[in-house]
């Protein structure tokens, strides 16, 4: 089994930046994909970005150019650098790990952007 713990969510002003972290532990296969999702009240969960264990990234068009996903395989940790934050970015942010033996979710961390 795999456990994921997100951290770094906060209340920030529009135009500010945050870096979210997600640390994975447990039975982690070497080949895997980690990603970040968000869900605002009354809306569906939205895929933001993914990164493979080899470093290949993909982004949703809505965050491309503002958000950057990265990972440290030695620490089993994935990051999401968020710049130029907007009130529309307010949501609970979740990380995910997918491998050949399972799919796992973190508990979420709240990001609130004020105007």
N, C-alpha and C. Protein backbone atom coordinates (compact mmCIF):
# COMPACT_ATOMS: atom_id res chain seq x y z
N UNK A 1 0.83 -1.18 0.00
CA UNK A 1 0.00 0.00 0.00
C UNK A 1 0.88 1.25 0.00
N UNK A 2 0.28 2.36 -0.44
CA UNK A 2 0.98 3.63 -0.56
C UNK A 2 0.19 4.69 0.19
N UNK A 3 0.91 5.54 0.92
CA UNK A 3 0.30 6.67 1.60
C UNK A 3 0.87 7.96 1.02
N UNK A 4 0.00 8.97 0.82
CA UNK A 4 0.40 10.26 0.28
C UNK A 4 -0.06 11.35 1.24
N UNK A 5 0.82 12.30 1.55
CA UNK A 5 0.50 13.39 2.45
C UNK A 5 0.88 14.70 1.80
N UNK A 6 -0.13 15.55 1.53
CA UNK A 6 0.10 16.87 0.95
C UNK A 6 0.35 17.90 2.04
N UNK A 7 1.08 18.95 1.68
CA UNK A 7 1.30 20.07 2.58
C UNK A 7 1.58 21.32 1.76
N UNK A 8 1.48 22.48 2.39
CA UNK A 8 1.82 23.73 1.75
C UNK A 8 0.66 24.64 1.41
N UNK A 9 -0.57 24.17 1.56
CA UNK A 9 -1.71 25.01 1.27
C UNK A 9 -1.81 26.16 2.26
N UNK A 10 -2.34 27.30 1.79
CA UNK A 10 -2.41 28.49 2.62
C UNK A 10 -3.38 29.49 2.02
N UNK A 11 -3.61 30.57 2.76
CA UNK A 11 -4.35 31.73 2.27
C UNK A 11 -3.33 32.72 1.71
N UNK A 12 -3.46 33.08 0.43
CA UNK A 12 -2.54 34.00 -0.22
C UNK A 12 -3.32 35.05 -0.99
N UNK A 13 -2.67 36.17 -1.27
CA UNK A 13 -3.29 37.22 -2.07
C UNK A 13 -3.10 36.94 -3.56
N UNK A 14 -4.03 37.44 -4.37
CA UNK A 14 -3.91 37.31 -5.81
C UNK A 14 -2.56 37.83 -6.28
N UNK A 15 -1.94 37.10 -7.21
CA UNK A 15 -0.63 37.45 -7.70
C UNK A 15 0.51 36.79 -6.95
N UNK A 16 0.21 36.17 -5.82
CA UNK A 16 1.22 35.52 -5.03
C UNK A 16 1.56 34.13 -5.52
N UNK A 17 2.44 33.46 -4.76
CA UNK A 17 2.93 32.14 -5.13
C UNK A 17 2.86 31.19 -3.94
N UNK A 18 2.73 29.91 -4.24
CA UNK A 18 2.79 28.84 -3.25
C UNK A 18 3.49 27.65 -3.86
N UNK A 19 4.12 26.84 -3.02
CA UNK A 19 4.64 25.56 -3.45
C UNK A 19 4.04 24.45 -2.60
N UNK A 20 3.31 23.56 -3.23
CA UNK A 20 2.73 22.41 -2.56
C UNK A 20 3.68 21.23 -2.64
N UNK A 21 3.66 20.40 -1.60
CA UNK A 21 4.47 19.19 -1.56
C UNK A 21 3.59 18.00 -1.28
N UNK A 22 3.98 16.83 -1.78
CA UNK A 22 3.29 15.58 -1.50
C UNK A 22 4.32 14.49 -1.33
N UNK A 23 4.41 13.95 -0.13
CA UNK A 23 5.38 12.91 0.19
C UNK A 23 4.70 11.55 0.17
N UNK A 24 5.27 10.62 -0.56
CA UNK A 24 4.74 9.26 -0.66
C UNK A 24 5.57 8.30 0.18
N UNK A 25 4.89 7.31 0.74
CA UNK A 25 5.57 6.28 1.51
C UNK A 25 4.87 4.94 1.30
N UNK A 26 5.55 3.85 1.64
CA UNK A 26 4.98 2.53 1.48
C UNK A 26 5.60 1.76 0.34
N UNK A 27 4.82 0.88 -0.27
CA UNK A 27 5.30 0.00 -1.34
C UNK A 27 5.17 0.71 -2.69
N UNK A 28 6.16 1.54 -3.01
CA UNK A 28 6.15 2.36 -4.21
C UNK A 28 6.96 1.69 -5.31
N UNK A 29 6.31 1.41 -6.43
CA UNK A 29 7.04 0.87 -7.58
C UNK A 29 7.91 1.94 -8.20
N UNK A 30 9.02 1.54 -8.75
CA UNK A 30 9.97 2.47 -9.35
C UNK A 30 9.33 3.22 -10.51
N UNK A 31 8.54 2.54 -11.34
CA UNK A 31 7.87 3.15 -12.48
C UNK A 31 6.47 3.59 -12.05
N UNK A 32 6.25 4.91 -12.05
CA UNK A 32 4.95 5.42 -11.63
C UNK A 32 4.74 6.81 -12.18
N UNK A 33 3.50 7.27 -12.09
CA UNK A 33 3.13 8.62 -12.46
C UNK A 33 2.48 9.29 -11.26
N UNK A 34 2.90 10.51 -10.96
CA UNK A 34 2.28 11.29 -9.90
C UNK A 34 1.64 12.53 -10.51
N UNK A 35 0.56 12.98 -9.90
CA UNK A 35 -0.15 14.12 -10.45
C UNK A 35 -0.80 14.97 -9.37
N UNK A 36 -1.22 16.16 -9.79
CA UNK A 36 -1.95 17.08 -8.93
C UNK A 36 -3.32 17.35 -9.52
N UNK A 37 -4.33 17.33 -8.66
CA UNK A 37 -5.71 17.64 -9.00
C UNK A 37 -6.21 18.71 -8.05
N UNK A 38 -7.31 19.36 -8.42
CA UNK A 38 -7.96 20.27 -7.50
C UNK A 38 -9.47 20.15 -7.63
N UNK A 39 -10.17 20.52 -6.56
CA UNK A 39 -11.63 20.48 -6.55
C UNK A 39 -12.15 21.66 -5.75
N UNK A 40 -12.90 22.52 -6.40
CA UNK A 40 -13.55 23.65 -5.76
C UNK A 40 -14.97 23.26 -5.37
N UNK A 41 -15.55 23.93 -4.36
CA UNK A 41 -16.91 23.61 -3.96
C UNK A 41 -17.89 23.69 -5.13
N UNK A 42 -18.70 22.66 -5.30
CA UNK A 42 -19.68 22.64 -6.37
C UNK A 42 -19.14 22.29 -7.74
N UNK A 43 -17.85 21.97 -7.84
CA UNK A 43 -17.24 21.64 -9.13
C UNK A 43 -16.63 20.24 -9.09
N UNK A 44 -16.40 19.67 -10.27
CA UNK A 44 -15.77 18.36 -10.38
C UNK A 44 -14.27 18.47 -10.16
N UNK A 45 -13.67 17.35 -9.76
CA UNK A 45 -12.22 17.32 -9.58
C UNK A 45 -11.54 17.48 -10.95
N UNK A 46 -10.52 18.34 -10.98
CA UNK A 46 -9.86 18.74 -12.21
C UNK A 46 -8.40 18.31 -12.19
N UNK A 47 -7.95 17.64 -13.25
CA UNK A 47 -6.55 17.27 -13.39
C UNK A 47 -5.74 18.50 -13.80
N UNK A 48 -4.66 18.77 -13.07
CA UNK A 48 -3.82 19.93 -13.34
C UNK A 48 -2.53 19.57 -14.05
N UNK A 49 -1.82 18.56 -13.56
CA UNK A 49 -0.51 18.22 -14.10
C UNK A 49 -0.11 16.83 -13.66
N UNK A 50 0.70 16.16 -14.48
CA UNK A 50 1.25 14.86 -14.15
C UNK A 50 2.74 14.83 -14.46
N UNK A 51 3.45 13.94 -13.77
CA UNK A 51 4.87 13.74 -14.04
C UNK A 51 5.20 12.27 -13.81
N UNK A 52 5.91 11.66 -14.75
CA UNK A 52 6.31 10.27 -14.63
C UNK A 52 7.60 10.17 -13.83
N UNK A 53 7.93 8.93 -13.43
CA UNK A 53 9.19 8.72 -12.72
C UNK A 53 10.39 9.06 -13.59
N UNK A 54 10.21 9.06 -14.91
CA UNK A 54 11.26 9.46 -15.82
C UNK A 54 11.33 10.96 -16.07
N UNK A 55 10.37 11.72 -15.54
CA UNK A 55 10.40 13.17 -15.65
C UNK A 55 9.55 13.78 -16.74
N UNK A 56 8.75 12.99 -17.44
CA UNK A 56 7.88 13.51 -18.48
C UNK A 56 6.68 14.20 -17.85
N UNK A 57 6.39 15.44 -18.26
CA UNK A 57 5.31 16.23 -17.67
C UNK A 57 4.21 16.51 -18.67
N UNK A 58 2.99 16.69 -18.14
CA UNK A 58 1.84 17.15 -18.91
C UNK A 58 1.05 18.12 -18.05
N UNK A 59 0.47 19.15 -18.68
CA UNK A 59 -0.27 20.18 -17.97
C UNK A 59 -1.63 20.43 -18.60
N UNK A 60 -2.60 20.76 -17.75
CA UNK A 60 -3.84 21.30 -18.25
C UNK A 60 -3.59 22.68 -18.83
N UNK A 61 -4.29 23.01 -19.91
CA UNK A 61 -4.08 24.29 -20.56
C UNK A 61 -4.35 25.47 -19.63
N UNK A 62 -5.25 25.29 -18.69
CA UNK A 62 -5.63 26.38 -17.80
C UNK A 62 -4.51 26.82 -16.86
N UNK A 63 -3.53 25.95 -16.60
CA UNK A 63 -2.45 26.29 -15.68
C UNK A 63 -1.09 26.31 -16.34
N UNK A 64 -1.02 25.95 -17.60
CA UNK A 64 0.25 25.93 -18.32
C UNK A 64 0.86 27.32 -18.33
N UNK A 65 2.13 27.41 -17.96
CA UNK A 65 2.81 28.70 -17.90
C UNK A 65 2.79 29.34 -16.53
N UNK A 66 1.88 28.93 -15.65
CA UNK A 66 1.80 29.44 -14.29
C UNK A 66 2.23 28.41 -13.25
N UNK A 67 1.87 27.14 -13.47
CA UNK A 67 2.17 26.07 -12.52
C UNK A 67 3.26 25.17 -13.09
N UNK A 68 4.12 24.65 -12.22
CA UNK A 68 5.17 23.73 -12.61
C UNK A 68 5.18 22.53 -11.68
N UNK A 69 5.12 21.33 -12.25
CA UNK A 69 5.20 20.11 -11.46
C UNK A 69 6.63 19.58 -11.53
N UNK A 70 7.12 19.05 -10.42
CA UNK A 70 8.44 18.46 -10.37
C UNK A 70 8.45 17.35 -9.33
N UNK A 71 9.51 16.55 -9.30
CA UNK A 71 9.59 15.49 -8.31
C UNK A 71 11.03 15.21 -7.93
N UNK A 72 11.19 14.68 -6.73
CA UNK A 72 12.47 14.23 -6.22
C UNK A 72 12.30 12.75 -5.92
N UNK A 73 12.79 11.90 -6.81
CA UNK A 73 12.58 10.47 -6.66
C UNK A 73 13.27 9.91 -5.42
N UNK A 74 14.41 10.49 -5.04
CA UNK A 74 15.11 10.03 -3.85
C UNK A 74 14.29 10.25 -2.58
N UNK A 75 13.46 11.30 -2.58
CA UNK A 75 12.61 11.62 -1.43
C UNK A 75 11.17 11.15 -1.60
N UNK A 76 10.86 10.54 -2.75
CA UNK A 76 9.49 10.11 -3.05
C UNK A 76 8.50 11.25 -2.86
N UNK A 77 8.85 12.42 -3.37
CA UNK A 77 8.06 13.61 -3.18
C UNK A 77 7.81 14.31 -4.52
N UNK A 78 6.57 14.79 -4.70
CA UNK A 78 6.20 15.57 -5.87
C UNK A 78 5.82 16.97 -5.40
N UNK A 79 6.11 17.97 -6.23
CA UNK A 79 5.87 19.37 -5.89
C UNK A 79 5.00 20.02 -6.96
N UNK A 80 4.29 21.05 -6.56
CA UNK A 80 3.57 21.90 -7.50
C UNK A 80 3.88 23.35 -7.16
N UNK A 81 4.67 24.01 -8.00
CA UNK A 81 4.96 25.43 -7.85
C UNK A 81 3.87 26.21 -8.55
N UNK A 82 3.19 27.08 -7.82
CA UNK A 82 2.07 27.85 -8.34
C UNK A 82 2.41 29.33 -8.27
N UNK A 83 2.45 29.98 -9.41
CA UNK A 83 2.75 31.41 -9.50
C UNK A 83 1.56 32.16 -10.09
N UNK A 84 1.57 33.47 -9.90
CA UNK A 84 0.52 34.34 -10.43
C UNK A 84 -0.86 33.81 -10.08
N UNK A 85 -1.06 33.52 -8.81
CA UNK A 85 -2.30 32.90 -8.37
C UNK A 85 -3.48 33.85 -8.53
N UNK A 86 -4.62 33.27 -8.86
CA UNK A 86 -5.87 33.99 -9.08
C UNK A 86 -6.93 33.48 -8.13
N UNK A 87 -7.95 34.29 -7.83
CA UNK A 87 -9.04 33.78 -6.98
C UNK A 87 -9.67 32.50 -7.52
N UNK A 88 -9.70 32.32 -8.83
CA UNK A 88 -10.25 31.12 -9.43
C UNK A 88 -9.45 29.86 -9.11
N UNK A 89 -8.23 30.02 -8.60
CA UNK A 89 -7.42 28.87 -8.20
C UNK A 89 -7.81 28.32 -6.83
N UNK A 90 -8.69 29.00 -6.13
CA UNK A 90 -9.12 28.55 -4.81
C UNK A 90 -9.77 27.17 -4.91
N UNK A 91 -9.24 26.20 -4.15
CA UNK A 91 -9.73 24.83 -4.21
C UNK A 91 -8.96 23.99 -3.20
N UNK A 92 -9.45 22.76 -2.99
CA UNK A 92 -8.67 21.74 -2.30
C UNK A 92 -7.81 21.05 -3.34
N UNK A 93 -6.52 20.94 -3.06
CA UNK A 93 -5.56 20.35 -3.99
C UNK A 93 -5.16 18.96 -3.49
N UNK A 94 -5.18 17.98 -4.39
CA UNK A 94 -4.90 16.59 -4.07
C UNK A 94 -3.78 16.05 -4.95
N UNK A 95 -2.92 15.21 -4.38
CA UNK A 95 -1.95 14.50 -5.20
C UNK A 95 -2.37 13.06 -5.38
N UNK A 96 -1.85 12.44 -6.43
CA UNK A 96 -2.20 11.08 -6.82
C UNK A 96 -0.95 10.36 -7.30
N UNK A 97 -0.87 9.07 -7.01
CA UNK A 97 0.19 8.21 -7.53
C UNK A 97 -0.44 7.01 -8.20
N UNK A 98 -0.02 6.72 -9.41
CA UNK A 98 -0.53 5.57 -10.15
C UNK A 98 0.64 4.71 -10.61
N UNK A 99 0.51 3.40 -10.42
CA UNK A 99 1.50 2.44 -10.88
C UNK A 99 0.78 1.18 -11.33
N UNK A 100 1.54 0.18 -11.72
CA UNK A 100 0.94 -1.06 -12.20
C UNK A 100 0.14 -1.80 -11.14
N UNK A 101 0.37 -1.50 -9.86
CA UNK A 101 -0.32 -2.23 -8.81
C UNK A 101 -1.36 -1.42 -8.06
N UNK A 102 -1.57 -0.16 -8.44
CA UNK A 102 -2.61 0.57 -7.75
C UNK A 102 -2.63 2.05 -8.04
N UNK A 103 -3.69 2.71 -7.56
CA UNK A 103 -3.86 4.15 -7.64
C UNK A 103 -4.19 4.66 -6.24
N UNK A 104 -3.53 5.75 -5.83
CA UNK A 104 -3.64 6.23 -4.46
C UNK A 104 -3.81 7.75 -4.44
N UNK A 105 -4.50 8.23 -3.39
CA UNK A 105 -4.79 9.66 -3.23
C UNK A 105 -4.33 10.15 -1.87
N UNK A 106 -3.92 11.42 -1.82
CA UNK A 106 -3.67 12.08 -0.56
C UNK A 106 -4.95 12.65 0.03
N UNK A 107 -4.82 13.28 1.19
CA UNK A 107 -6.00 13.79 1.90
C UNK A 107 -6.42 15.18 1.44
N UNK A 108 -5.56 15.88 0.72
CA UNK A 108 -5.85 17.20 0.23
C UNK A 108 -5.28 18.31 1.10
N UNK A 109 -5.00 19.45 0.48
CA UNK A 109 -4.57 20.64 1.19
C UNK A 109 -5.27 21.85 0.57
N UNK A 110 -5.75 22.76 1.41
CA UNK A 110 -6.58 23.86 0.95
C UNK A 110 -5.74 25.04 0.50
N UNK A 111 -6.05 25.56 -0.69
CA UNK A 111 -5.45 26.78 -1.20
C UNK A 111 -6.57 27.80 -1.38
N UNK A 112 -6.43 28.96 -0.76
CA UNK A 112 -7.41 30.03 -0.89
C UNK A 112 -6.68 31.29 -1.36
N UNK A 113 -7.17 31.87 -2.46
CA UNK A 113 -6.56 33.06 -3.04
C UNK A 113 -7.55 34.21 -2.90
N UNK A 114 -7.15 35.25 -2.19
CA UNK A 114 -8.01 36.40 -1.97
C UNK A 114 -7.69 37.50 -2.95
N UNK A 115 -8.70 38.33 -3.25
CA UNK A 115 -8.52 39.46 -4.15
C UNK A 115 -8.36 40.76 -3.39
